[in-house]
Protein backbone atom coordinates (compact mmCIF):
# COMPACT_ATOMS: atom_id res chain seq x y z
CA UNK A 1 0.00 0.00 0.00
CA UNK A 2 1.59 3.33 -0.99
CA UNK A 3 2.59 5.52 1.91
CA UNK A 4 0.62 8.45 0.51
CA UNK A 5 -2.69 6.60 0.23
CA UNK A 6 -4.35 9.00 2.70
CA UNK A 7 -3.26 11.98 0.60
CA UNK A 8 -4.54 10.28 -2.53
CA UNK A 9 -7.95 9.67 -0.95
CA UNK A 10 -8.15 13.26 0.27
CA UNK A 11 -7.25 14.54 -3.19
CA UNK A 12 -9.92 12.45 -4.88
CA UNK A 13 -12.55 13.53 -2.37
CA UNK A 14 -11.67 17.18 -2.87
CA UNK A 15 -12.09 16.72 -6.64
CA UNK A 16 -15.68 15.57 -5.99
CA UNK A 17 -16.52 18.55 -3.81
CA UNK A 18 -19.27 21.01 -4.65
CA UNK A 19 -19.08 24.37 -2.84
CA UNK A 20 -22.83 24.97 -3.18
CA UNK A 21 -23.66 21.60 -1.63
CA UNK A 22 -21.05 22.25 1.04
CA UNK A 23 -22.87 25.42 2.13
CA UNK A 24 -26.14 23.50 2.37
CA UNK A 25 -24.49 20.70 4.41
CA UNK A 26 -22.92 23.21 6.78
CA UNK A 27 -26.42 24.46 7.61
CA UNK A 28 -28.01 21.00 7.65
CA UNK A 29 -25.44 19.61 10.09
CA UNK A 30 -25.59 22.69 12.35
CA UNK A 31 -21.98 23.83 12.12
CA UNK A 32 -22.52 27.31 13.50
CA UNK A 33 -21.18 28.62 16.83
CA UNK A 34 -22.66 26.71 19.75
CA UNK A 35 -24.37 24.15 17.51
CA UNK A 36 -23.72 20.42 17.73
CA UNK A 37 -21.56 20.35 14.58
CA UNK A 38 -19.69 23.54 15.31
CA UNK A 39 -16.63 23.90 13.09
CA UNK A 40 -17.25 20.79 10.97
CA UNK A 41 -15.93 21.25 7.43
CA UNK A 42 -17.79 19.96 4.38
CA UNK A 43 -16.65 19.46 0.80
CA UNK A 44 -20.18 19.04 -0.51
CA UNK A 45 -20.22 15.38 -1.62
CA UNK A 46 -23.29 13.14 -1.66
CA UNK A 47 -23.05 10.03 0.52
CA UNK A 48 -23.57 7.67 -2.47
CA UNK A 49 -20.58 9.28 -4.17
CA UNK A 50 -18.39 8.79 -1.10
CA UNK A 51 -19.54 5.17 -0.96
CA UNK A 52 -18.75 4.71 -4.65
CA UNK A 53 -15.25 6.05 -4.16
CA UNK A 54 -14.66 3.87 -1.10
CA UNK A 55 -15.53 0.78 -3.15
CA UNK A 56 -12.73 1.65 -5.56
CA UNK A 57 -10.24 1.08 -2.74
CA UNK A 58 -10.94 -2.60 -2.16
CA UNK A 59 -7.48 -3.47 -0.86
CA UNK A 60 -7.10 -0.83 1.84
CA UNK A 61 -7.56 -1.65 5.50
CA UNK A 62 -8.99 0.22 8.45
CA UNK A 63 -5.43 0.94 9.61
CA UNK A 64 -4.66 2.57 6.25
CA UNK A 65 -7.47 5.09 6.67
CA UNK A 66 -6.93 6.09 10.30
CA UNK A 67 -5.18 9.30 9.12
CA UNK A 68 -8.25 10.00 6.97
CA UNK A 69 -10.55 9.40 9.94
CA UNK A 70 -8.59 11.98 11.95
CA UNK A 71 -9.42 14.69 9.42
CA UNK A 72 -11.29 17.90 10.10
CA UNK A 73 -13.25 17.28 6.88
CA UNK A 74 -16.56 15.49 7.30
CA UNK A 75 -16.52 13.51 4.06
CA UNK A 76 -13.01 12.25 4.78
CA UNK A 77 -14.14 10.88 8.13
CA UNK A 78 -17.18 9.40 6.39
CA UNK A 79 -14.96 7.67 3.83
CA UNK A 80 -12.78 6.19 6.57
CA UNK A 81 -15.76 4.88 8.53
CA UNK A 82 -17.22 3.27 5.41
CA UNK A 83 -13.93 1.38 5.09
CA UNK A 84 -14.05 0.47 8.78
CA UNK A 85 -17.55 -0.97 8.39
CA UNK A 86 -16.67 -2.88 5.22
CA UNK A 87 -13.52 -4.39 6.67
CA UNK A 88 -15.20 -5.25 9.98
CA UNK A 89 -18.11 -6.95 8.23
CA UNK A 90 -15.91 -9.21 6.15
CA UNK A 91 -13.20 -9.73 8.76
CA UNK A 92 -12.45 -12.66 11.02
CA UNK A 93 -12.46 -12.43 14.81
CA UNK A 94 -8.95 -10.98 15.25
CA UNK A 95 -9.45 -8.42 12.49
CA UNK A 96 -12.78 -7.37 13.97
CA UNK A 97 -11.23 -6.85 17.38
CA UNK A 98 -8.48 -4.72 15.85
CA UNK A 99 -11.02 -2.56 14.00
CA UNK A 100 -13.21 -2.21 17.09
CA UNK A 101 -10.18 -1.08 19.10
CA UNK A 102 -9.17 1.38 16.37
CA UNK A 103 -12.70 2.74 16.41
CA UNK A 104 -12.70 3.19 20.19
CA UNK A 105 -9.22 4.74 20.13
CA UNK A 106 -10.42 7.28 17.56
CA UNK A 107 -13.99 7.74 18.76
CA UNK A 108 -13.48 11.50 19.10
CA UNK A 109 -13.54 11.67 15.30
CA UNK A 110 -16.91 9.88 15.09
CA UNK A 111 -18.44 13.22 15.84
CA UNK A 112 -21.62 13.82 13.92
CA UNK A 113 -24.90 11.94 13.92
CA UNK A 114 -24.57 10.44 10.44
CA UNK A 115 -21.10 9.11 11.25
CA UNK A 116 -22.39 7.54 14.46
CA UNK A 117 -25.46 6.03 12.86
CA UNK A 118 -23.64 4.35 9.98
CA UNK A 119 -20.87 2.90 12.16
CA UNK A 120 -22.09 2.19 15.69
CA UNK A 121 -24.48 -0.70 14.96
CA UNK A 122 -22.26 -2.68 12.53
CA UNK A 123 -19.03 -2.16 14.49
CA UNK A 124 -19.71 -1.52 18.17
CA UNK A 125 -22.98 -3.43 18.37
CA UNK A 126 -21.71 -6.34 16.28
CA UNK A 127 -18.46 -6.64 18.25
CA UNK A 128 -20.24 -6.63 21.60
CA UNK A 129 -22.97 -9.05 20.52
CA UNK A 130 -21.26 -12.01 22.23
CA UNK A 131 -19.35 -9.99 24.81
CA UNK A 132 -20.02 -7.86 27.85
CA UNK A 133 -22.13 -4.84 27.03
CA UNK A 134 -20.51 -2.77 29.79
CA UNK A 135 -18.70 -0.46 27.32
CA UNK A 136 -22.08 0.77 26.12
CA UNK A 137 -23.14 1.72 29.62
CA UNK A 138 -19.92 3.63 30.16
CA UNK A 139 -20.51 5.52 26.91
CA UNK A 140 -24.14 6.18 27.88
CA UNK A 141 -22.80 8.05 30.94
CA UNK A 142 -20.17 9.94 28.92
CA UNK A 143 -20.02 13.70 28.91
CA UNK A 144 -19.58 13.54 25.14
CA UNK A 145 -22.75 13.71 23.08
CA UNK A 146 -21.46 11.43 20.35
CA UNK A 147 -20.41 8.66 22.73
CA UNK A 148 -23.88 8.68 24.25
CA UNK A 149 -25.40 8.44 20.78
CA UNK A 150 -23.05 5.55 19.95
CA UNK A 151 -24.26 3.79 23.09
CA UNK A 152 -27.92 3.82 22.08
CA UNK A 153 -27.38 3.39 18.34
CA UNK A 154 -25.11 0.37 18.83
CA UNK A 155 -28.11 -1.44 20.29
CA UNK A 156 -29.77 -1.37 16.87
CA UNK A 157 -27.63 -4.42 16.12
CA UNK A 158 -29.19 -6.21 19.11
CA UNK A 159 -32.71 -5.09 18.25
CA UNK A 160 -32.39 -6.67 14.82
CA UNK A 161 -31.62 -9.92 16.64
CA UNK A 162 -34.65 -9.64 18.92
CA UNK A 163 -32.56 -8.56 21.91
CA UNK A 164 -34.16 -5.55 23.58
CA UNK A 165 -32.86 -5.47 27.14
CA UNK A 166 -29.88 -3.20 26.55
CA UNK A 167 -31.87 -0.74 24.45
CA UNK A 168 -34.41 -0.37 27.25
CA UNK A 169 -31.78 -0.07 29.99
CA UNK A 170 -29.74 2.51 28.10
CA UNK A 171 -32.91 4.41 27.22
CA UNK A 172 -33.58 4.73 30.96
CA UNK A 173 -30.10 6.17 31.47
CA UNK A 174 -30.74 8.71 28.72
CA UNK A 175 -34.19 9.84 29.87
CA UNK A 176 -32.81 13.01 31.42
CA UNK A 177 -30.28 13.75 28.69
CA UNK A 178 -30.27 17.38 27.64
CA UNK A 179 -29.43 16.87 23.96
CA UNK A 180 -32.10 16.74 21.27
CA UNK A 181 -29.95 14.38 19.16
CA UNK A 182 -30.04 11.88 22.01
CA UNK A 183 -33.80 12.29 22.38
CA UNK A 184 -34.26 11.51 18.68
CA UNK A 185 -31.93 8.50 18.65
CA UNK A 186 -33.44 7.01 21.81
CA UNK A 187 -37.00 7.48 20.59
CA UNK A 188 -36.04 5.92 17.28
CA UNK A 189 -34.55 2.84 18.97
CA UNK A 190 -37.62 2.48 21.19
CA UNK A 191 -39.77 2.61 18.05
CA UNK A 192 -37.61 -0.13 16.50
CA UNK A 193 -38.15 -2.26 19.60
CA UNK A 194 -41.90 -1.69 19.25
CA UNK A 195 -41.90 -2.87 15.64
CA UNK A 196 -40.74 -6.24 16.91
CA UNK A 197 -42.22 -6.37 20.39
CA UNK A 198 -45.00 -3.85 21.00
CA UNK A 199 -45.50 -5.04 24.56
CA UNK A 200 -41.89 -4.28 25.54
CA UNK A 201 -42.05 -0.78 24.10
CA UNK A 202 -45.41 0.03 25.65
CA UNK A 203 -44.34 -1.27 29.03
CA UNK A 204 -41.41 1.15 28.90
CA UNK A 205 -43.62 4.00 27.73
CA UNK A 206 -46.24 3.46 30.41
CA UNK A 207 -43.55 3.68 33.06
CA UNK A 208 -41.58 6.59 31.62
CA UNK A 209 -43.68 8.61 29.16
CA UNK A 210 -44.28 11.42 31.65
CA UNK A 211 -40.54 11.73 32.25
CA UNK A 212 -39.43 11.41 28.64
CA UNK A 213 -38.42 14.50 26.67
CA UNK A 214 -41.20 15.34 24.23
CA UNK A 215 -39.07 14.66 21.16
CA UNK A 216 -38.05 11.24 22.46
CA UNK A 217 -41.67 10.35 23.11
CA UNK A 218 -42.85 11.59 19.71
CA UNK A 219 -40.21 9.52 17.92
CA UNK A 220 -41.09 6.44 19.99
CA UNK A 221 -44.84 6.61 19.24
CA UNK A 222 -44.58 7.78 15.63
CA UNK A 223 -46.13 4.58 14.24
CA UNK A 224 -48.92 4.32 16.79
CA UNK A 225 -52.55 4.92 15.76
CA UNK A 226 -53.60 8.52 16.36
CA UNK A 227 -55.76 7.71 19.38
CA UNK A 228 -52.94 5.85 21.11
CA UNK A 229 -50.45 8.60 20.29
CA UNK A 230 -52.79 11.12 21.88
CA UNK A 231 -53.12 8.94 24.97
CA UNK A 232 -49.37 8.98 25.52
CA UNK A 233 -49.01 12.66 24.69
CA UNK A 234 -51.92 14.01 26.71
CA UNK A 235 -53.76 11.52 28.84
CA UNK A 236 -52.89 9.55 31.95
CA UNK A 237 -51.35 6.16 31.21
CA UNK A 238 -52.44 3.28 33.37
C-alpha atoms as a PDB file:
ATOM      1  CA  UNK A   1       0.000   0.000   0.000  1.00  0.00           C
ATOM      2  CA  UNK A   2       1.594   3.330  -0.994  1.00  0.00           C
ATOM      3  CA  UNK A   3       2.594   5.522   1.913  1.00  0.00           C
ATOM      4  CA  UNK A   4       0.623   8.450   0.512  1.00  0.00           C
ATOM      5  CA  UNK A   5      -2.694   6.605   0.233  1.00  0.00           C
ATOM      6  CA  UNK A   6      -4.347   8.998   2.699  1.00  0.00           C
ATOM      7  CA  UNK A   7      -3.261  11.980   0.602  1.00  0.00           C
ATOM      8  CA  UNK A   8      -4.545  10.279  -2.532  1.00  0.00           C
ATOM      9  CA  UNK A   9      -7.953   9.675  -0.950  1.00  0.00           C
ATOM     10  CA  UNK A  10      -8.149  13.261   0.267  1.00  0.00           C
ATOM     11  CA  UNK A  11      -7.251  14.542  -3.187  1.00  0.00           C
ATOM     12  CA  UNK A  12      -9.922  12.451  -4.882  1.00  0.00           C
ATOM     13  CA  UNK A  13     -12.546  13.535  -2.371  1.00  0.00           C
ATOM     14  CA  UNK A  14     -11.674  17.182  -2.874  1.00  0.00           C
ATOM     15  CA  UNK A  15     -12.092  16.717  -6.639  1.00  0.00           C
ATOM     16  CA  UNK A  16     -15.679  15.572  -5.985  1.00  0.00           C
ATOM     17  CA  UNK A  17     -16.523  18.553  -3.808  1.00  0.00           C
ATOM     18  CA  UNK A  18     -19.272  21.008  -4.654  1.00  0.00           C
ATOM     19  CA  UNK A  19     -19.079  24.371  -2.837  1.00  0.00           C
ATOM     20  CA  UNK A  20     -22.830  24.974  -3.183  1.00  0.00           C
ATOM     21  CA  UNK A  21     -23.656  21.604  -1.633  1.00  0.00           C
ATOM     22  CA  UNK A  22     -21.054  22.255   1.041  1.00  0.00           C
ATOM     23  CA  UNK A  23     -22.872  25.417   2.125  1.00  0.00           C
ATOM     24  CA  UNK A  24     -26.139  23.496   2.375  1.00  0.00           C
ATOM     25  CA  UNK A  25     -24.493  20.704   4.408  1.00  0.00           C
ATOM     26  CA  UNK A  26     -22.923  23.214   6.783  1.00  0.00           C
ATOM     27  CA  UNK A  27     -26.416  24.462   7.607  1.00  0.00           C
ATOM     28  CA  UNK A  28     -28.007  21.001   7.652  1.00  0.00           C
ATOM     29  CA  UNK A  29     -25.439  19.614  10.091  1.00  0.00           C
ATOM     30  CA  UNK A  30     -25.594  22.690  12.349  1.00  0.00           C
ATOM     31  CA  UNK A  31     -21.984  23.831  12.117  1.00  0.00           C
ATOM     32  CA  UNK A  32     -22.522  27.308  13.501  1.00  0.00           C
ATOM     33  CA  UNK A  33     -21.177  28.621  16.830  1.00  0.00           C
ATOM     34  CA  UNK A  34     -22.655  26.711  19.753  1.00  0.00           C
ATOM     35  CA  UNK A  35     -24.371  24.152  17.511  1.00  0.00           C
ATOM     36  CA  UNK A  36     -23.725  20.417  17.726  1.00  0.00           C
ATOM     37  CA  UNK A  37     -21.564  20.351  14.582  1.00  0.00           C
ATOM     38  CA  UNK A  38     -19.688  23.544  15.314  1.00  0.00           C
ATOM     39  CA  UNK A  39     -16.631  23.897  13.093  1.00  0.00           C
ATOM     40  CA  UNK A  40     -17.253  20.788  10.974  1.00  0.00           C
ATOM     41  CA  UNK A  41     -15.930  21.246   7.433  1.00  0.00           C
ATOM     42  CA  UNK A  42     -17.793  19.963   4.376  1.00  0.00           C
ATOM     43  CA  UNK A  43     -16.653  19.463   0.798  1.00  0.00           C
ATOM     44  CA  UNK A  44     -20.185  19.035  -0.509  1.00  0.00           C
ATOM     45  CA  UNK A  45     -20.221  15.380  -1.624  1.00  0.00           C
ATOM     46  CA  UNK A  46     -23.288  13.142  -1.658  1.00  0.00           C
ATOM     47  CA  UNK A  47     -23.046  10.027   0.515  1.00  0.00           C
ATOM     48  CA  UNK A  48     -23.568   7.671  -2.474  1.00  0.00           C
ATOM     49  CA  UNK A  49     -20.577   9.285  -4.170  1.00  0.00           C
ATOM     50  CA  UNK A  50     -18.394   8.792  -1.096  1.00  0.00           C
ATOM     51  CA  UNK A  51     -19.535   5.165  -0.962  1.00  0.00           C
ATOM     52  CA  UNK A  52     -18.753   4.705  -4.647  1.00  0.00           C
ATOM     53  CA  UNK A  53     -15.249   6.049  -4.157  1.00  0.00           C
ATOM     54  CA  UNK A  54     -14.657   3.872  -1.098  1.00  0.00           C
ATOM     55  CA  UNK A  55     -15.528   0.775  -3.148  1.00  0.00           C
ATOM     56  CA  UNK A  56     -12.733   1.649  -5.558  1.00  0.00           C
ATOM     57  CA  UNK A  57     -10.237   1.076  -2.742  1.00  0.00           C
ATOM     58  CA  UNK A  58     -10.937  -2.595  -2.160  1.00  0.00           C
ATOM     59  CA  UNK A  59      -7.476  -3.466  -0.864  1.00  0.00           C
ATOM     60  CA  UNK A  60      -7.100  -0.828   1.836  1.00  0.00           C
ATOM     61  CA  UNK A  61      -7.560  -1.651   5.501  1.00  0.00           C
ATOM     62  CA  UNK A  62      -8.987   0.224   8.448  1.00  0.00           C
ATOM     63  CA  UNK A  63      -5.433   0.941   9.608  1.00  0.00           C
ATOM     64  CA  UNK A  64      -4.657   2.565   6.252  1.00  0.00           C
ATOM     65  CA  UNK A  65      -7.469   5.086   6.670  1.00  0.00           C
ATOM     66  CA  UNK A  66      -6.927   6.090  10.304  1.00  0.00           C
ATOM     67  CA  UNK A  67      -5.178   9.296   9.120  1.00  0.00           C
ATOM     68  CA  UNK A  68      -8.249  10.003   6.969  1.00  0.00           C
ATOM     69  CA  UNK A  69     -10.549   9.401   9.943  1.00  0.00           C
ATOM     70  CA  UNK A  70      -8.594  11.975  11.946  1.00  0.00           C
ATOM     71  CA  UNK A  71      -9.425  14.687   9.416  1.00  0.00           C
ATOM     72  CA  UNK A  72     -11.288  17.904  10.103  1.00  0.00           C
ATOM     73  CA  UNK A  73     -13.248  17.277   6.884  1.00  0.00           C
ATOM     74  CA  UNK A  74     -16.561  15.492   7.304  1.00  0.00           C
ATOM     75  CA  UNK A  75     -16.521  13.512   4.056  1.00  0.00           C
ATOM     76  CA  UNK A  76     -13.010  12.249   4.781  1.00  0.00           C
ATOM     77  CA  UNK A  77     -14.145  10.884   8.129  1.00  0.00           C
ATOM     78  CA  UNK A  78     -17.185   9.401   6.393  1.00  0.00           C
ATOM     79  CA  UNK A  79     -14.965   7.674   3.832  1.00  0.00           C
ATOM     80  CA  UNK A  80     -12.785   6.190   6.568  1.00  0.00           C
ATOM     81  CA  UNK A  81     -15.759   4.881   8.527  1.00  0.00           C
ATOM     82  CA  UNK A  82     -17.222   3.268   5.414  1.00  0.00           C
ATOM     83  CA  UNK A  83     -13.929   1.381   5.086  1.00  0.00           C
ATOM     84  CA  UNK A  84     -14.051   0.468   8.784  1.00  0.00           C
ATOM     85  CA  UNK A  85     -17.550  -0.973   8.388  1.00  0.00           C
ATOM     86  CA  UNK A  86     -16.668  -2.880   5.220  1.00  0.00           C
ATOM     87  CA  UNK A  87     -13.517  -4.394   6.674  1.00  0.00           C
ATOM     88  CA  UNK A  88     -15.195  -5.250   9.978  1.00  0.00           C
ATOM     89  CA  UNK A  89     -18.108  -6.947   8.234  1.00  0.00           C
ATOM     90  CA  UNK A  90     -15.910  -9.212   6.146  1.00  0.00           C
ATOM     91  CA  UNK A  91     -13.197  -9.730   8.759  1.00  0.00           C
ATOM     92  CA  UNK A  92     -12.449 -12.661  11.025  1.00  0.00           C
ATOM     93  CA  UNK A  93     -12.458 -12.426  14.813  1.00  0.00           C
ATOM     94  CA  UNK A  94      -8.945 -10.980  15.248  1.00  0.00           C
ATOM     95  CA  UNK A  95      -9.453  -8.417  12.489  1.00  0.00           C
ATOM     96  CA  UNK A  96     -12.780  -7.374  13.970  1.00  0.00           C
ATOM     97  CA  UNK A  97     -11.234  -6.852  17.376  1.00  0.00           C
ATOM     98  CA  UNK A  98      -8.484  -4.716  15.850  1.00  0.00           C
ATOM     99  CA  UNK A  99     -11.022  -2.562  14.002  1.00  0.00           C
ATOM    100  CA  UNK A 100     -13.206  -2.206  17.089  1.00  0.00           C
ATOM    101  CA  UNK A 101     -10.181  -1.079  19.097  1.00  0.00           C
ATOM    102  CA  UNK A 102      -9.166   1.381  16.372  1.00  0.00           C
ATOM    103  CA  UNK A 103     -12.705   2.735  16.408  1.00  0.00           C
ATOM    104  CA  UNK A 104     -12.702   3.191  20.188  1.00  0.00           C
ATOM    105  CA  UNK A 105      -9.220   4.741  20.130  1.00  0.00           C
ATOM    106  CA  UNK A 106     -10.420   7.275  17.559  1.00  0.00           C
ATOM    107  CA  UNK A 107     -13.988   7.741  18.759  1.00  0.00           C
ATOM    108  CA  UNK A 108     -13.483  11.505  19.103  1.00  0.00           C
ATOM    109  CA  UNK A 109     -13.539  11.666  15.303  1.00  0.00           C
ATOM    110  CA  UNK A 110     -16.907   9.878  15.090  1.00  0.00           C
ATOM    111  CA  UNK A 111     -18.442  13.220  15.837  1.00  0.00           C
ATOM    112  CA  UNK A 112     -21.618  13.815  13.921  1.00  0.00           C
ATOM    113  CA  UNK A 113     -24.898  11.945  13.921  1.00  0.00           C
ATOM    114  CA  UNK A 114     -24.575  10.442  10.439  1.00  0.00           C
ATOM    115  CA  UNK A 115     -21.103   9.107  11.247  1.00  0.00           C
ATOM    116  CA  UNK A 116     -22.394   7.542  14.457  1.00  0.00           C
ATOM    117  CA  UNK A 117     -25.463   6.031  12.865  1.00  0.00           C
ATOM    118  CA  UNK A 118     -23.640   4.349   9.982  1.00  0.00           C
ATOM    119  CA  UNK A 119     -20.868   2.900  12.157  1.00  0.00           C
ATOM    120  CA  UNK A 120     -22.092   2.194  15.690  1.00  0.00           C
ATOM    121  CA  UNK A 121     -24.484  -0.704  14.958  1.00  0.00           C
ATOM    122  CA  UNK A 122     -22.262  -2.682  12.528  1.00  0.00           C
ATOM    123  CA  UNK A 123     -19.028  -2.158  14.488  1.00  0.00           C
ATOM    124  CA  UNK A 124     -19.715  -1.515  18.175  1.00  0.00           C
ATOM    125  CA  UNK A 125     -22.975  -3.429  18.366  1.00  0.00           C
ATOM    126  CA  UNK A 126     -21.708  -6.337  16.279  1.00  0.00           C
ATOM    127  CA  UNK A 127     -18.461  -6.637  18.249  1.00  0.00           C
ATOM    128  CA  UNK A 128     -20.243  -6.632  21.599  1.00  0.00           C
ATOM    129  CA  UNK A 129     -22.968  -9.053  20.522  1.00  0.00           C
ATOM    130  CA  UNK A 130     -21.264 -12.009  22.226  1.00  0.00           C
ATOM    131  CA  UNK A 131     -19.349  -9.986  24.805  1.00  0.00           C
ATOM    132  CA  UNK A 132     -20.017  -7.863  27.853  1.00  0.00           C
ATOM    133  CA  UNK A 133     -22.134  -4.841  27.028  1.00  0.00           C
ATOM    134  CA  UNK A 134     -20.511  -2.768  29.793  1.00  0.00           C
ATOM    135  CA  UNK A 135     -18.695  -0.462  27.322  1.00  0.00           C
ATOM    136  CA  UNK A 136     -22.083   0.765  26.119  1.00  0.00           C
ATOM    137  CA  UNK A 137     -23.144   1.718  29.622  1.00  0.00           C
ATOM    138  CA  UNK A 138     -19.916   3.630  30.162  1.00  0.00           C
ATOM    139  CA  UNK A 139     -20.512   5.515  26.913  1.00  0.00           C
ATOM    140  CA  UNK A 140     -24.140   6.177  27.884  1.00  0.00           C
ATOM    141  CA  UNK A 141     -22.802   8.047  30.939  1.00  0.00           C
ATOM    142  CA  UNK A 142     -20.174   9.936  28.919  1.00  0.00           C
ATOM    143  CA  UNK A 143     -20.018  13.698  28.908  1.00  0.00           C
ATOM    144  CA  UNK A 144     -19.580  13.536  25.142  1.00  0.00           C
ATOM    145  CA  UNK A 145     -22.755  13.713  23.084  1.00  0.00           C
ATOM    146  CA  UNK A 146     -21.463  11.425  20.345  1.00  0.00           C
ATOM    147  CA  UNK A 147     -20.408   8.660  22.727  1.00  0.00           C
ATOM    148  CA  UNK A 148     -23.882   8.681  24.250  1.00  0.00           C
ATOM    149  CA  UNK A 149     -25.397   8.442  20.777  1.00  0.00           C
ATOM    150  CA  UNK A 150     -23.053   5.552  19.946  1.00  0.00           C
ATOM    151  CA  UNK A 151     -24.257   3.787  23.089  1.00  0.00           C
ATOM    152  CA  UNK A 152     -27.921   3.818  22.084  1.00  0.00           C
ATOM    153  CA  UNK A 153     -27.380   3.388  18.337  1.00  0.00           C
ATOM    154  CA  UNK A 154     -25.111   0.371  18.826  1.00  0.00           C
ATOM    155  CA  UNK A 155     -28.105  -1.437  20.292  1.00  0.00           C
ATOM    156  CA  UNK A 156     -29.767  -1.371  16.867  1.00  0.00           C
ATOM    157  CA  UNK A 157     -27.629  -4.418  16.122  1.00  0.00           C
ATOM    158  CA  UNK A 158     -29.188  -6.215  19.114  1.00  0.00           C
ATOM    159  CA  UNK A 159     -32.707  -5.087  18.248  1.00  0.00           C
ATOM    160  CA  UNK A 160     -32.392  -6.668  14.818  1.00  0.00           C
ATOM    161  CA  UNK A 161     -31.620  -9.920  16.640  1.00  0.00           C
ATOM    162  CA  UNK A 162     -34.653  -9.641  18.917  1.00  0.00           C
ATOM    163  CA  UNK A 163     -32.558  -8.557  21.905  1.00  0.00           C
ATOM    164  CA  UNK A 164     -34.162  -5.545  23.577  1.00  0.00           C
ATOM    165  CA  UNK A 165     -32.864  -5.474  27.139  1.00  0.00           C
ATOM    166  CA  UNK A 166     -29.882  -3.200  26.552  1.00  0.00           C
ATOM    167  CA  UNK A 167     -31.875  -0.744  24.450  1.00  0.00           C
ATOM    168  CA  UNK A 168     -34.408  -0.368  27.250  1.00  0.00           C
ATOM    169  CA  UNK A 169     -31.782  -0.073  29.990  1.00  0.00           C
ATOM    170  CA  UNK A 170     -29.736   2.510  28.097  1.00  0.00           C
ATOM    171  CA  UNK A 171     -32.911   4.405  27.223  1.00  0.00           C
ATOM    172  CA  UNK A 172     -33.582   4.734  30.956  1.00  0.00           C
ATOM    173  CA  UNK A 173     -30.102   6.171  31.469  1.00  0.00           C
ATOM    174  CA  UNK A 174     -30.742   8.713  28.719  1.00  0.00           C
ATOM    175  CA  UNK A 175     -34.190   9.839  29.868  1.00  0.00           C
ATOM    176  CA  UNK A 176     -32.806  13.011  31.425  1.00  0.00           C
ATOM    177  CA  UNK A 177     -30.283  13.753  28.687  1.00  0.00           C
ATOM    178  CA  UNK A 178     -30.266  17.381  27.637  1.00  0.00           C
ATOM    179  CA  UNK A 179     -29.429  16.873  23.958  1.00  0.00           C
ATOM    180  CA  UNK A 180     -32.095  16.742  21.268  1.00  0.00           C
ATOM    181  CA  UNK A 181     -29.951  14.380  19.158  1.00  0.00           C
ATOM    182  CA  UNK A 182     -30.043  11.875  22.013  1.00  0.00           C
ATOM    183  CA  UNK A 183     -33.804  12.287  22.379  1.00  0.00           C
ATOM    184  CA  UNK A 184     -34.257  11.509  18.680  1.00  0.00           C
ATOM    185  CA  UNK A 185     -31.930   8.499  18.646  1.00  0.00           C
ATOM    186  CA  UNK A 186     -33.440   7.012  21.812  1.00  0.00           C
ATOM    187  CA  UNK A 187     -36.999   7.483  20.590  1.00  0.00           C
ATOM    188  CA  UNK A 188     -36.036   5.915  17.278  1.00  0.00           C
ATOM    189  CA  UNK A 189     -34.555   2.840  18.967  1.00  0.00           C
ATOM    190  CA  UNK A 190     -37.617   2.475  21.192  1.00  0.00           C
ATOM    191  CA  UNK A 191     -39.766   2.610  18.053  1.00  0.00           C
ATOM    192  CA  UNK A 192     -37.614  -0.127  16.504  1.00  0.00           C
ATOM    193  CA  UNK A 193     -38.151  -2.255  19.601  1.00  0.00           C
ATOM    194  CA  UNK A 194     -41.901  -1.686  19.250  1.00  0.00           C
ATOM    195  CA  UNK A 195     -41.900  -2.872  15.637  1.00  0.00           C
ATOM    196  CA  UNK A 196     -40.737  -6.242  16.906  1.00  0.00           C
ATOM    197  CA  UNK A 197     -42.217  -6.370  20.393  1.00  0.00           C
ATOM    198  CA  UNK A 198     -44.998  -3.849  21.001  1.00  0.00           C
ATOM    199  CA  UNK A 199     -45.502  -5.041  24.556  1.00  0.00           C
ATOM    200  CA  UNK A 200     -41.889  -4.279  25.536  1.00  0.00           C
ATOM    201  CA  UNK A 201     -42.051  -0.781  24.099  1.00  0.00           C
ATOM    202  CA  UNK A 202     -45.408   0.035  25.654  1.00  0.00           C
ATOM    203  CA  UNK A 203     -44.337  -1.270  29.031  1.00  0.00           C
ATOM    204  CA  UNK A 204     -41.406   1.147  28.899  1.00  0.00           C
ATOM    205  CA  UNK A 205     -43.619   4.005  27.732  1.00  0.00           C
ATOM    206  CA  UNK A 206     -46.244   3.460  30.411  1.00  0.00           C
ATOM    207  CA  UNK A 207     -43.548   3.680  33.060  1.00  0.00           C
ATOM    208  CA  UNK A 208     -41.581   6.586  31.623  1.00  0.00           C
ATOM    209  CA  UNK A 209     -43.679   8.611  29.164  1.00  0.00           C
ATOM    210  CA  UNK A 210     -44.275  11.416  31.646  1.00  0.00           C
ATOM    211  CA  UNK A 211     -40.541  11.734  32.250  1.00  0.00           C
ATOM    212  CA  UNK A 212     -39.429  11.413  28.636  1.00  0.00           C
ATOM    213  CA  UNK A 213     -38.422  14.497  26.672  1.00  0.00           C
ATOM    214  CA  UNK A 214     -41.196  15.344  24.230  1.00  0.00           C
ATOM    215  CA  UNK A 215     -39.071  14.662  21.158  1.00  0.00           C
ATOM    216  CA  UNK A 216     -38.049  11.242  22.458  1.00  0.00           C
ATOM    217  CA  UNK A 217     -41.675  10.352  23.112  1.00  0.00           C
ATOM    218  CA  UNK A 218     -42.850  11.585  19.714  1.00  0.00           C
ATOM    219  CA  UNK A 219     -40.209   9.524  17.919  1.00  0.00           C
ATOM    220  CA  UNK A 220     -41.090   6.440  19.990  1.00  0.00           C
ATOM    221  CA  UNK A 221     -44.840   6.612  19.241  1.00  0.00           C
ATOM    222  CA  UNK A 222     -44.584   7.778  15.635  1.00  0.00           C
ATOM    223  CA  UNK A 223     -46.132   4.585  14.237  1.00  0.00           C
ATOM    224  CA  UNK A 224     -48.924   4.324  16.794  1.00  0.00           C
ATOM    225  CA  UNK A 225     -52.550   4.923  15.764  1.00  0.00           C
ATOM    226  CA  UNK A 226     -53.598   8.522  16.361  1.00  0.00           C
ATOM    227  CA  UNK A 227     -55.759   7.714  19.381  1.00  0.00           C
ATOM    228  CA  UNK A 228     -52.942   5.849  21.107  1.00  0.00           C
ATOM    229  CA  UNK A 229     -50.452   8.598  20.292  1.00  0.00           C
ATOM    230  CA  UNK A 230     -52.786  11.119  21.876  1.00  0.00           C
ATOM    231  CA  UNK A 231     -53.122   8.938  24.970  1.00  0.00           C
ATOM    232  CA  UNK A 232     -49.375   8.983  25.516  1.00  0.00           C
ATOM    233  CA  UNK A 233     -49.007  12.657  24.690  1.00  0.00           C
ATOM    234  CA  UNK A 234     -51.921  14.014  26.713  1.00  0.00           C
ATOM    235  CA  UNK A 235     -53.756  11.515  28.836  1.00  0.00           C
ATOM    236  CA  UNK A 236     -52.887   9.551  31.951  1.00  0.00           C
ATOM    237  CA  UNK A 237     -51.355   6.165  31.215  1.00  0.00           C
ATOM    238  CA  UNK A 238     -52.441   3.284  33.375  1.00  0.00           C
END
